[in-house]
Amino acid sequence: MYFKQYEYSICGYYLSAIINGDYSGLSDSDEKDLDSFLHYVGEAHGSGHWSVDSEEPSFQNDDVSDLMADCYDCTFNVPSYDDVISV
């Protein structure tokens, strides 16, 4: 199986909610922003899973809030069967 990969810069503030489903530290506004972002990603790319590709954050534009923040490089991995060779 192969994966199509889509890269995003995401503030560390959101990672617990994205990876573990733990929204407990988010404000109502941030939760709404994250839900909108995750809905967009799901609609644009389908079902997949997240990976965090950087160990240290860097100050850049956060794709969830569209604000500058300490962000991690994250990848949304979507299974792809387009490249599977049938026998």
Protein backbone atom coordinates (compact mmCIF):
# COMPACT_ATOMS: atom_id res chain seq x y z
CA MET A 1 0.00 0.00 0.00
CA TYR A 2 1.16 3.48 -0.81
CA PHE A 3 0.27 6.78 0.81
CA LYS A 4 -0.40 10.17 -0.69
CA GLN A 5 1.11 12.73 1.64
CA TYR A 6 -0.09 16.27 2.30
CA GLU A 7 2.11 18.59 4.35
CA TYR A 8 0.87 21.17 6.84
CA SER A 9 2.42 23.45 9.46
CA ILE A 10 0.48 23.06 12.69
CA CYS A 11 0.92 24.81 16.02
CA GLY A 12 1.85 22.42 18.83
CA TYR A 13 -1.19 23.72 20.71
CA TYR A 14 -3.44 21.64 18.43
CA LEU A 15 -1.46 18.41 18.23
CA SER A 16 -2.99 16.66 21.25
CA ALA A 17 -6.45 17.21 19.82
CA ILE A 18 -5.43 16.06 16.33
CA ILE A 19 -3.50 12.96 17.37
CA ASN A 20 -5.23 11.90 20.61
CA GLY A 21 -8.66 13.52 20.31
CA ASP A 22 -7.94 15.50 23.51
CA TYR A 23 -9.56 18.92 23.12
CA SER A 24 -9.38 19.73 26.85
CA GLY A 25 -6.80 22.52 26.50
CA LEU A 26 -8.47 24.35 23.62
CA SER A 27 -10.79 27.33 23.86
CA ASP A 28 -14.16 27.12 22.15
CA SER A 29 -12.88 29.37 19.36
CA ASP A 30 -9.74 27.27 18.82
CA GLU A 31 -11.81 24.09 18.85
CA LYS A 32 -14.05 25.56 16.16
CA ASP A 33 -11.02 26.57 14.05
CA LEU A 34 -9.51 23.09 14.40
CA ASP A 35 -12.77 21.34 13.53
CA SER A 36 -13.11 23.52 10.41
CA PHE A 37 -9.52 22.73 9.40
CA LEU A 38 -9.95 18.97 9.95
CA HIS A 39 -13.22 19.03 8.00
CA TYR A 40 -11.43 20.79 5.12
CA VAL A 41 -8.57 18.26 5.17
CA GLY A 42 -11.01 15.33 5.20
CA GLU A 43 -13.07 16.76 2.35
CA ALA A 44 -9.99 17.63 0.29
CA HIS A 45 -8.04 14.40 0.77
CA GLY A 46 -10.28 11.70 2.27
CA SER A 47 -9.62 9.54 5.30
CA GLY A 48 -6.08 9.27 6.60
CA HIS A 49 -3.80 9.62 9.59
CA TRP A 50 -1.42 12.27 10.89
CA SER A 51 2.29 12.13 11.54
CA VAL A 52 4.50 14.79 13.12
CA ASP A 53 7.70 15.08 11.12
CA SER A 54 9.71 17.58 13.14
CA GLU A 55 11.06 17.25 16.66
CA GLU A 56 11.33 20.99 17.29
CA PRO A 57 8.86 23.70 16.29
CA SER A 58 9.74 26.61 14.07
CA PHE A 59 8.05 30.01 13.98
CA GLN A 60 5.86 30.01 10.88
CA ASN A 61 2.29 30.37 9.66
CA ASP A 62 -0.09 27.92 11.33
CA ASP A 63 -2.39 26.28 8.77
CA VAL A 64 -5.18 25.85 11.36
CA SER A 65 -5.49 29.44 12.59
CA ASP A 66 -3.62 31.28 9.80
CA LEU A 67 -1.56 33.03 12.50
CA MET A 68 2.19 32.98 13.12
CA ALA A 69 3.07 30.44 15.82
CA ASP A 70 5.58 27.79 16.88
CA CYS A 71 4.58 25.07 14.41
CA TYR A 72 5.54 21.52 13.67
CA ASP A 73 5.80 20.03 10.21
CA CYS A 74 2.97 17.51 9.98
CA THR A 75 1.86 15.15 7.25
CA PHE A 76 -1.61 13.86 6.52
CA ASN A 77 -1.17 10.37 5.06
CA VAL A 78 -3.93 8.97 2.86
CA PRO A 79 -3.86 5.37 1.63
CA SER A 80 -3.62 5.18 -2.14
CA TYR A 81 -4.41 2.14 -4.19
CA ASP A 82 -3.76 3.89 -7.53
CA ASP A 83 -0.17 2.66 -7.67
CA VAL A 84 -0.79 -0.93 -6.57
CA ILE A 85 0.12 -3.42 -9.24
CA SER A 86 -2.46 -6.18 -9.65
CA VAL A 87 -1.27 -9.66 -10.50
